[in-house]
Amino acid sequence: MVDVARALAGLGAAFKNEIPEFRQRMQQEDIYNMKMADMETARQEAQAKREEERKKTFFQDVAVAKQYFDAGDFGSIADIARDRLEILTPMGVNTRDSQQMLQLADAARAGDTSAIQQLKNQLDMSYSVGQLYGVIPKPAERKGVVVGNNLIDPVTG
């Protein structure tokens, strides 16, 4: 694609007999633009890396919160969510999941059975997504053993 402004500037430089200066200025602009593009690429890569780290820590926090849920410790789940909010809110990051987890954990701690079920659903769904991303390990596949004509589960017998 032709840069019309650059072409007109070159034409003007030719009329003024300033071609060497024009070439030098264009080279400097090109170098500057390449440096700016490199800096933007580096910024985007760093941002993507931070986003991946936030995702990873979210799923790790969900795995811990799920253990607290199984133990009925809704206060510790609220603490995890509150910590995430304190860290991420000043960064301008989307904290919707952490906010919802905090609200549900507080309501569950107050005995709201609907909130308990919603919190369980949120944790289960996030846990599954964490497994799909490979952050949370999937459980080992259990293979049955055929004894006679019966399939026997090695864990439950």
N, C-alpha and C. Protein backbone atom coordinates (compact mmCIF):
# COMPACT_ATOMS: atom_id res chain seq x y z
N MET A 1 0.85 -1.17 0.00
CA MET A 1 0.00 0.00 0.00
C MET A 1 0.89 1.24 0.00
N VAL A 2 0.54 2.22 -0.80
CA VAL A 2 1.33 3.43 -0.95
C VAL A 2 0.95 4.41 0.15
N ASP A 3 1.98 4.94 0.81
CA ASP A 3 1.77 5.97 1.82
C ASP A 3 1.78 7.31 1.09
N VAL A 4 0.61 7.86 0.86
CA VAL A 4 0.46 9.08 0.06
C VAL A 4 1.20 10.25 0.71
N ALA A 5 1.11 10.38 2.01
CA ALA A 5 1.78 11.48 2.70
C ALA A 5 3.29 11.38 2.51
N ARG A 6 3.81 10.16 2.58
CA ARG A 6 5.25 9.96 2.41
C ARG A 6 5.66 10.26 0.97
N ALA A 7 4.84 9.83 0.03
CA ALA A 7 5.14 10.09 -1.38
C ALA A 7 5.15 11.59 -1.67
N LEU A 8 4.18 12.31 -1.14
CA LEU A 8 4.14 13.76 -1.34
C LEU A 8 5.32 14.45 -0.68
N ALA A 9 5.72 13.97 0.50
CA ALA A 9 6.89 14.54 1.18
C ALA A 9 8.14 14.30 0.34
N GLY A 10 8.24 13.12 -0.26
CA GLY A 10 9.38 12.80 -1.13
C GLY A 10 9.40 13.68 -2.36
N LEU A 11 8.24 13.92 -2.90
CA LEU A 11 8.13 14.80 -4.07
C LEU A 11 8.57 16.22 -3.70
N GLY A 12 8.12 16.68 -2.54
CA GLY A 12 8.52 18.00 -2.07
C GLY A 12 10.03 18.07 -1.84
N ALA A 13 10.61 17.01 -1.29
CA ALA A 13 12.05 16.97 -1.05
C ALA A 13 12.81 17.01 -2.37
N ALA A 14 12.26 16.34 -3.38
CA ALA A 14 12.91 16.35 -4.69
C ALA A 14 12.92 17.76 -5.27
N PHE A 15 11.81 18.47 -5.15
CA PHE A 15 11.74 19.84 -5.67
C PHE A 15 12.69 20.77 -4.92
N LYS A 16 12.91 20.52 -3.64
CA LYS A 16 13.77 21.38 -2.82
C LYS A 16 15.22 20.90 -2.85
N ASN A 17 15.48 19.81 -3.58
CA ASN A 17 16.81 19.22 -3.66
C ASN A 17 17.28 18.79 -2.26
N GLU A 18 16.38 18.13 -1.53
CA GLU A 18 16.69 17.65 -0.17
C GLU A 18 16.52 16.14 -0.06
N ILE A 19 16.83 15.42 -1.10
CA ILE A 19 16.65 13.96 -1.13
C ILE A 19 17.46 13.26 -0.04
N PRO A 20 18.76 13.57 0.16
CA PRO A 20 19.51 12.86 1.22
C PRO A 20 18.89 13.06 2.60
N GLU A 21 18.46 14.29 2.89
CA GLU A 21 17.83 14.56 4.19
C GLU A 21 16.51 13.80 4.32
N PHE A 22 15.77 13.77 3.22
CA PHE A 22 14.48 13.06 3.21
C PHE A 22 14.70 11.57 3.48
N ARG A 23 15.68 10.96 2.80
CA ARG A 23 15.97 9.54 2.99
C ARG A 23 16.35 9.26 4.45
N GLN A 24 17.20 10.12 4.99
CA GLN A 24 17.63 9.93 6.37
C GLN A 24 16.44 10.03 7.33
N ARG A 25 15.57 11.01 7.10
CA ARG A 25 14.38 11.17 7.95
C ARG A 25 13.46 9.96 7.83
N MET A 26 13.28 9.44 6.63
CA MET A 26 12.42 8.27 6.42
C MET A 26 13.02 7.04 7.08
N GLN A 27 14.35 6.88 7.01
CA GLN A 27 15.00 5.75 7.68
C GLN A 27 14.81 5.85 9.19
N GLN A 28 14.96 7.06 9.72
CA GLN A 28 14.77 7.25 11.16
C GLN A 28 13.33 6.95 11.56
N GLU A 29 12.38 7.39 10.73
CA GLU A 29 10.97 7.08 11.01
C GLU A 29 10.72 5.58 10.96
N ASP A 30 11.31 4.93 9.95
CA ASP A 30 11.13 3.48 9.84
C ASP A 30 11.71 2.75 11.05
N ILE A 31 12.89 3.17 11.48
CA ILE A 31 13.52 2.55 12.66
C ILE A 31 12.65 2.79 13.88
N TYR A 32 12.17 4.02 14.03
CA TYR A 32 11.30 4.36 15.17
C TYR A 32 10.03 3.51 15.14
N ASN A 33 9.41 3.38 13.97
CA ASN A 33 8.18 2.60 13.84
C ASN A 33 8.42 1.12 14.14
N MET A 34 9.57 0.60 13.73
CA MET A 34 9.89 -0.80 14.02
C MET A 34 10.10 -0.99 15.53
N LYS A 35 10.78 -0.05 16.16
CA LYS A 35 10.99 -0.14 17.61
C LYS A 35 9.65 -0.08 18.34
N MET A 36 8.78 0.81 17.89
CA MET A 36 7.46 0.93 18.52
C MET A 36 6.67 -0.37 18.33
N ALA A 37 6.74 -0.95 17.14
CA ALA A 37 6.04 -2.22 16.88
C ALA A 37 6.61 -3.32 17.76
N ASP A 38 7.94 -3.37 17.91
CA ASP A 38 8.56 -4.37 18.78
C ASP A 38 8.13 -4.18 20.22
N MET A 39 8.08 -2.92 20.67
CA MET A 39 7.66 -2.65 22.04
C MET A 39 6.20 -3.06 22.25
N GLU A 40 5.35 -2.82 21.27
CA GLU A 40 3.94 -3.19 21.37
C GLU A 40 3.80 -4.71 21.41
N THR A 41 4.57 -5.40 20.59
CA THR A 41 4.54 -6.85 20.59
C THR A 41 4.99 -7.39 21.95
N ALA A 42 6.06 -6.82 22.49
CA ALA A 42 6.55 -7.26 23.80
C ALA A 42 5.51 -6.98 24.88
N ARG A 43 4.84 -5.83 24.80
CA ARG A 43 3.80 -5.49 25.78
C ARG A 43 2.65 -6.48 25.69
N GLN A 44 2.23 -6.82 24.47
CA GLN A 44 1.13 -7.77 24.29
C GLN A 44 1.52 -9.16 24.79
N GLU A 45 2.76 -9.56 24.54
CA GLU A 45 3.22 -10.87 25.02
C GLU A 45 3.26 -10.91 26.54
N ALA A 46 3.73 -9.82 27.15
CA ALA A 46 3.78 -9.76 28.61
C ALA A 46 2.37 -9.78 29.20
N GLN A 47 1.46 -9.08 28.55
CA GLN A 47 0.08 -9.06 29.01
C GLN A 47 -0.54 -10.45 28.89
N ALA A 48 -0.28 -11.13 27.79
CA ALA A 48 -0.80 -12.49 27.61
C ALA A 48 -0.23 -13.44 28.66
N LYS A 49 1.06 -13.26 28.98
CA LYS A 49 1.69 -14.09 30.01
C LYS A 49 1.05 -13.84 31.37
N ARG A 50 0.81 -12.56 31.69
CA ARG A 50 0.15 -12.24 32.97
C ARG A 50 -1.25 -12.83 33.02
N GLU A 51 -1.96 -12.78 31.91
CA GLU A 51 -3.32 -13.33 31.85
C GLU A 51 -3.29 -14.84 32.07
N GLU A 52 -2.32 -15.51 31.48
CA GLU A 52 -2.19 -16.95 31.68
C GLU A 52 -1.87 -17.27 33.15
N GLU A 53 -1.02 -16.46 33.76
CA GLU A 53 -0.69 -16.65 35.17
C GLU A 53 -1.93 -16.44 36.05
N ARG A 54 -2.73 -15.41 35.73
CA ARG A 54 -3.96 -15.17 36.50
C ARG A 54 -4.91 -16.35 36.36
N LYS A 55 -5.02 -16.87 35.14
CA LYS A 55 -5.88 -18.03 34.90
C LYS A 55 -5.39 -19.22 35.72
N LYS A 56 -4.09 -19.43 35.67
CA LYS A 56 -3.51 -20.57 36.39
C LYS A 56 -3.78 -20.44 37.90
N THR A 57 -3.54 -19.26 38.46
CA THR A 57 -3.76 -19.09 39.89
C THR A 57 -5.24 -19.19 40.23
N PHE A 58 -6.11 -18.74 39.31
CA PHE A 58 -7.55 -18.88 39.56
C PHE A 58 -7.92 -20.35 39.71
N PHE A 59 -7.44 -21.18 38.79
CA PHE A 59 -7.79 -22.59 38.83
C PHE A 59 -7.16 -23.28 40.05
N GLN A 60 -5.96 -22.86 40.40
CA GLN A 60 -5.34 -23.42 41.61
C GLN A 60 -6.15 -23.03 42.85
N ASP A 61 -6.60 -21.77 42.88
CA ASP A 61 -7.44 -21.33 44.00
C ASP A 61 -8.76 -22.09 44.03
N VAL A 62 -9.32 -22.36 42.86
CA VAL A 62 -10.57 -23.13 42.80
C VAL A 62 -10.36 -24.53 43.34
N ALA A 63 -9.22 -25.14 43.02
CA ALA A 63 -8.94 -26.50 43.53
C ALA A 63 -8.89 -26.50 45.06
N VAL A 64 -8.27 -25.48 45.63
CA VAL A 64 -8.21 -25.37 47.09
C VAL A 64 -9.60 -25.08 47.65
N ALA A 65 -10.34 -24.17 46.99
CA ALA A 65 -11.69 -23.82 47.45
C ALA A 65 -12.60 -25.04 47.42
N LYS A 66 -12.41 -25.89 46.43
CA LYS A 66 -13.23 -27.12 46.34
C LYS A 66 -12.97 -28.03 47.54
N GLN A 67 -11.72 -28.10 47.98
CA GLN A 67 -11.40 -28.89 49.17
C GLN A 67 -12.07 -28.28 50.40
N TYR A 68 -12.03 -26.95 50.51
CA TYR A 68 -12.70 -26.29 51.62
C TYR A 68 -14.21 -26.54 51.56
N PHE A 69 -14.78 -26.51 50.35
CA PHE A 69 -16.21 -26.76 50.19
C PHE A 69 -16.55 -28.15 50.71
N ASP A 70 -15.76 -29.14 50.30
CA ASP A 70 -16.01 -30.52 50.74
C ASP A 70 -15.93 -30.65 52.26
N ALA A 71 -15.13 -29.78 52.89
CA ALA A 71 -15.01 -29.79 54.35
C ALA A 71 -16.05 -28.89 55.01
N GLY A 72 -16.87 -28.20 54.19
CA GLY A 72 -17.89 -27.30 54.73
C GLY A 72 -17.34 -25.98 55.26
N ASP A 73 -16.12 -25.63 54.85
CA ASP A 73 -15.45 -24.42 55.33
C ASP A 73 -15.68 -23.27 54.34
N PHE A 74 -16.86 -22.67 54.41
CA PHE A 74 -17.22 -21.59 53.47
C PHE A 74 -16.45 -20.31 53.79
N GLY A 75 -16.05 -20.13 55.03
CA GLY A 75 -15.28 -18.94 55.41
C GLY A 75 -13.94 -18.88 54.71
N SER A 76 -13.28 -20.03 54.59
CA SER A 76 -11.98 -20.06 53.90
C SER A 76 -12.14 -19.80 52.40
N ILE A 77 -13.26 -20.25 51.83
CA ILE A 77 -13.54 -19.96 50.42
C ILE A 77 -13.71 -18.45 50.25
N ALA A 78 -14.44 -17.84 51.17
CA ALA A 78 -14.62 -16.38 51.12
C ALA A 78 -13.28 -15.67 51.25
N ASP A 79 -12.40 -16.19 52.10
CA ASP A 79 -11.07 -15.59 52.27
C ASP A 79 -10.27 -15.65 50.97
N ILE A 80 -10.34 -16.78 50.28
CA ILE A 80 -9.63 -16.92 48.99
C ILE A 80 -10.15 -15.88 48.01
N ALA A 81 -11.47 -15.79 47.90
CA ALA A 81 -12.08 -14.85 46.95
C ALA A 81 -11.72 -13.41 47.33
N ARG A 82 -11.75 -13.11 48.61
CA ARG A 82 -11.43 -11.76 49.07
C ARG A 82 -9.97 -11.42 48.74
N ASP A 83 -9.07 -12.36 48.95
CA ASP A 83 -7.66 -12.14 48.62
C ASP A 83 -7.49 -11.87 47.13
N ARG A 84 -8.19 -12.64 46.31
CA ARG A 84 -8.10 -12.43 44.85
C ARG A 84 -8.59 -11.03 44.49
N LEU A 85 -9.70 -10.62 45.10
CA LEU A 85 -10.24 -9.30 44.81
C LEU A 85 -9.27 -8.20 45.23
N GLU A 86 -8.64 -8.35 46.38
CA GLU A 86 -7.69 -7.34 46.86
C GLU A 86 -6.49 -7.22 45.94
N ILE A 87 -6.07 -8.32 45.37
CA ILE A 87 -4.90 -8.31 44.48
C ILE A 87 -5.28 -7.83 43.07
N LEU A 88 -6.39 -8.33 42.54
CA LEU A 88 -6.71 -8.09 41.14
C LEU A 88 -7.46 -6.78 40.86
N THR A 89 -8.27 -6.32 41.80
CA THR A 89 -9.06 -5.11 41.55
C THR A 89 -8.19 -3.91 41.21
N PRO A 90 -7.10 -3.64 41.95
CA PRO A 90 -6.27 -2.49 41.58
C PRO A 90 -5.62 -2.62 40.20
N MET A 91 -5.51 -3.86 39.71
CA MET A 91 -4.89 -4.09 38.40
C MET A 91 -5.88 -3.85 37.26
N GLY A 92 -7.15 -3.64 37.60
CA GLY A 92 -8.16 -3.42 36.57
C GLY A 92 -8.57 -4.69 35.86
N VAL A 93 -8.39 -5.82 36.52
CA VAL A 93 -8.70 -7.12 35.92
C VAL A 93 -10.17 -7.47 36.19
N ASN A 94 -10.76 -8.21 35.27
CA ASN A 94 -12.13 -8.69 35.46
C ASN A 94 -12.16 -9.65 36.66
N THR A 95 -12.91 -9.27 37.68
CA THR A 95 -12.97 -10.07 38.91
C THR A 95 -14.36 -10.66 39.15
N ARG A 96 -15.15 -10.75 38.10
CA ARG A 96 -16.54 -11.22 38.23
C ARG A 96 -16.64 -12.58 38.92
N ASP A 97 -15.78 -13.53 38.52
CA ASP A 97 -15.84 -14.87 39.12
C ASP A 97 -15.49 -14.83 40.61
N SER A 98 -14.49 -14.04 40.97
CA SER A 98 -14.09 -13.94 42.38
C SER A 98 -15.17 -13.24 43.20
N GLN A 99 -15.80 -12.22 42.62
CA GLN A 99 -16.89 -11.53 43.31
C GLN A 99 -18.05 -12.48 43.57
N GLN A 100 -18.39 -13.26 42.54
CA GLN A 100 -19.49 -14.20 42.69
C GLN A 100 -19.15 -15.27 43.74
N MET A 101 -17.91 -15.74 43.71
CA MET A 101 -17.49 -16.75 44.68
C MET A 101 -17.59 -16.19 46.10
N LEU A 102 -17.18 -14.94 46.30
CA LEU A 102 -17.25 -14.32 47.62
C LEU A 102 -18.70 -14.19 48.08
N GLN A 103 -19.57 -13.70 47.21
CA GLN A 103 -20.98 -13.54 47.57
C GLN A 103 -21.61 -14.87 47.93
N LEU A 104 -21.35 -15.88 47.11
CA LEU A 104 -21.94 -17.19 47.36
C LEU A 104 -21.37 -17.82 48.64
N ALA A 105 -20.06 -17.67 48.86
CA ALA A 105 -19.44 -18.24 50.07
C ALA A 105 -20.00 -17.57 51.33
N ASP A 106 -20.17 -16.24 51.27
CA ASP A 106 -20.75 -15.54 52.42
C ASP A 106 -22.18 -16.00 52.68
N ALA A 107 -22.96 -16.14 51.61
CA ALA A 107 -24.35 -16.59 51.76
C ALA A 107 -24.40 -18.04 52.24
N ALA A 108 -23.49 -18.86 51.73
CA ALA A 108 -23.44 -20.27 52.16
C ALA A 108 -23.06 -20.36 53.64
N ARG A 109 -22.15 -19.51 54.06
CA ARG A 109 -21.74 -19.49 55.47
C ARG A 109 -22.92 -19.10 56.36
N ALA A 110 -23.83 -18.27 55.81
CA ALA A 110 -25.02 -17.85 56.56
C ALA A 110 -26.13 -18.92 56.52
N GLY A 111 -25.87 -20.03 55.78
CA GLY A 111 -26.83 -21.12 55.76
C GLY A 111 -27.76 -21.15 54.57
N ASP A 112 -27.54 -20.31 53.57
CA ASP A 112 -28.39 -20.26 52.38
C ASP A 112 -28.12 -21.50 51.52
N THR A 113 -29.08 -22.43 51.52
CA THR A 113 -28.88 -23.70 50.81
C THR A 113 -28.79 -23.50 49.29
N SER A 114 -29.50 -22.51 48.78
CA SER A 114 -29.41 -22.20 47.35
C SER A 114 -28.00 -21.72 46.99
N ALA A 115 -27.44 -20.88 47.85
CA ALA A 115 -26.08 -20.38 47.62
C ALA A 115 -25.07 -21.52 47.71
N ILE A 116 -25.31 -22.45 48.61
CA ILE A 116 -24.40 -23.61 48.74
C ILE A 116 -24.38 -24.39 47.42
N GLN A 117 -25.57 -24.63 46.86
CA GLN A 117 -25.64 -25.37 45.60
C GLN A 117 -25.01 -24.57 44.45
N GLN A 118 -25.27 -23.27 44.41
CA GLN A 118 -24.69 -22.44 43.36
C GLN A 118 -23.16 -22.38 43.48
N LEU A 119 -22.68 -22.30 44.71
CA LEU A 119 -21.23 -22.29 44.93
C LEU A 119 -20.62 -23.61 44.48
N LYS A 120 -21.28 -24.71 44.82
CA LYS A 120 -20.81 -26.03 44.38
C LYS A 120 -20.75 -26.09 42.86
N ASN A 121 -21.81 -25.61 42.20
CA ASN A 121 -21.85 -25.62 40.74
C ASN A 121 -20.72 -24.78 40.15
N GLN A 122 -20.51 -23.59 40.72
CA GLN A 122 -19.45 -22.71 40.21
C GLN A 122 -18.08 -23.36 40.38
N LEU A 123 -17.83 -23.92 41.55
CA LEU A 123 -16.54 -24.57 41.80
C LEU A 123 -16.34 -25.78 40.90
N ASP A 124 -17.39 -26.59 40.76
CA ASP A 124 -17.29 -27.78 39.90
C ASP A 124 -17.01 -27.39 38.45
N MET A 125 -17.72 -26.37 37.96
CA MET A 125 -17.53 -25.94 36.58
C MET A 125 -16.12 -25.38 36.38
N SER A 126 -15.69 -24.51 37.29
CA SER A 126 -14.36 -23.92 37.17
C SER A 126 -13.28 -24.99 37.31
N TYR A 127 -13.50 -25.95 38.17
CA TYR A 127 -12.56 -27.05 38.36
C TYR A 127 -12.42 -27.84 37.05
N SER A 128 -13.55 -28.12 36.41
CA SER A 128 -13.53 -28.86 35.14
C SER A 128 -12.79 -28.08 34.06
N VAL A 129 -13.03 -26.78 34.01
CA VAL A 129 -12.33 -25.95 33.02
C VAL A 129 -10.83 -25.95 33.32
N GLY A 130 -10.46 -25.90 34.59
CA GLY A 130 -9.06 -25.97 34.98
C GLY A 130 -8.41 -27.27 34.53
N GLN A 131 -9.19 -28.36 34.57
CA GLN A 131 -8.68 -29.63 34.08
C GLN A 131 -8.49 -29.59 32.56
N LEU A 132 -9.44 -28.96 31.86
CA LEU A 132 -9.32 -28.85 30.41
C LEU A 132 -8.11 -28.03 30.02
N TYR A 133 -7.80 -26.97 30.77
CA TYR A 133 -6.63 -26.14 30.52
C TYR A 133 -5.33 -26.84 30.93
N GLY A 134 -5.45 -27.94 31.69
CA GLY A 134 -4.27 -28.66 32.12
C GLY A 134 -3.64 -28.11 33.39
N VAL A 135 -4.32 -27.17 34.05
CA VAL A 135 -3.80 -26.59 35.29
C VAL A 135 -4.07 -27.54 36.45
N ILE A 136 -5.25 -28.11 36.46
CA ILE A 136 -5.64 -29.07 37.49
C ILE A 136 -5.53 -30.46 36.86
N PRO A 137 -4.75 -31.34 37.47
CA PRO A 137 -4.59 -32.66 36.87
C PRO A 137 -5.91 -33.44 36.87
N LYS A 138 -6.11 -34.17 35.80
CA LYS A 138 -7.29 -35.03 35.72
C LYS A 138 -7.02 -36.28 36.55
N PRO A 139 -8.08 -36.85 37.12
CA PRO A 139 -7.87 -38.07 37.91
C PRO A 139 -7.38 -39.20 37.00
N ALA A 140 -6.60 -40.07 37.57
CA ALA A 140 -6.09 -41.21 36.82
C ALA A 140 -7.26 -42.07 36.36
N GLU A 141 -7.15 -42.52 35.15
CA GLU A 141 -8.22 -43.36 34.61
C GLU A 141 -8.17 -44.73 35.26
N ARG A 142 -9.32 -45.15 35.74
CA ARG A 142 -9.41 -46.47 36.37
C ARG A 142 -9.83 -47.48 35.32
N LYS A 143 -9.08 -48.54 35.22
CA LYS A 143 -9.40 -49.59 34.26
C LYS A 143 -9.84 -50.82 35.04
N GLY A 144 -10.95 -51.34 34.60
CA GLY A 144 -11.46 -52.54 35.24
C GLY A 144 -10.71 -53.78 34.80
N VAL A 145 -10.87 -54.81 35.57
CA VAL A 145 -10.25 -56.09 35.27
C VAL A 145 -11.37 -57.10 35.08
N VAL A 146 -11.27 -57.88 34.02
CA VAL A 146 -12.28 -58.89 33.76
C VAL A 146 -11.88 -60.16 34.49
N VAL A 147 -12.80 -60.62 35.36
CA VAL A 147 -12.61 -61.87 36.09
C VAL A 147 -13.82 -62.72 35.75
N GLY A 148 -13.55 -63.82 35.06
CA GLY A 148 -14.68 -64.61 34.57
C GLY A 148 -15.38 -63.79 33.50
N ASN A 149 -16.68 -63.58 33.70
CA ASN A 149 -17.44 -62.74 32.77
C ASN A 149 -17.79 -61.41 33.43
N ASN A 150 -17.15 -61.08 34.56
CA ASN A 150 -17.47 -59.86 35.30
C ASN A 150 -16.35 -58.84 35.19
N LEU A 151 -16.76 -57.58 35.07
CA LEU A 151 -15.80 -56.47 35.06
C LEU A 151 -15.67 -55.98 36.49
N ILE A 152 -14.48 -56.03 37.04
CA ILE A 152 -14.24 -55.68 38.44
C ILE A 152 -13.47 -54.35 38.48
N ASP A 153 -14.00 -53.42 39.26
CA ASP A 153 -13.33 -52.13 39.47
C ASP A 153 -12.18 -52.35 40.44
N PRO A 154 -10.93 -51.96 40.08
CA PRO A 154 -9.81 -52.22 40.96
C PRO A 154 -9.85 -51.44 42.27
N VAL A 155 -10.61 -50.35 42.32
CA VAL A 155 -10.68 -49.55 43.54
C VAL A 155 -11.78 -50.06 44.45
N THR A 156 -12.96 -50.26 43.91
CA THR A 156 -14.09 -50.64 44.74
C THR A 156 -14.31 -52.15 44.82
N GLY A 157 -13.67 -52.87 43.93
CA GLY A 157 -13.79 -54.32 43.98
C GLY A 157 -14.98 -54.75 43.28
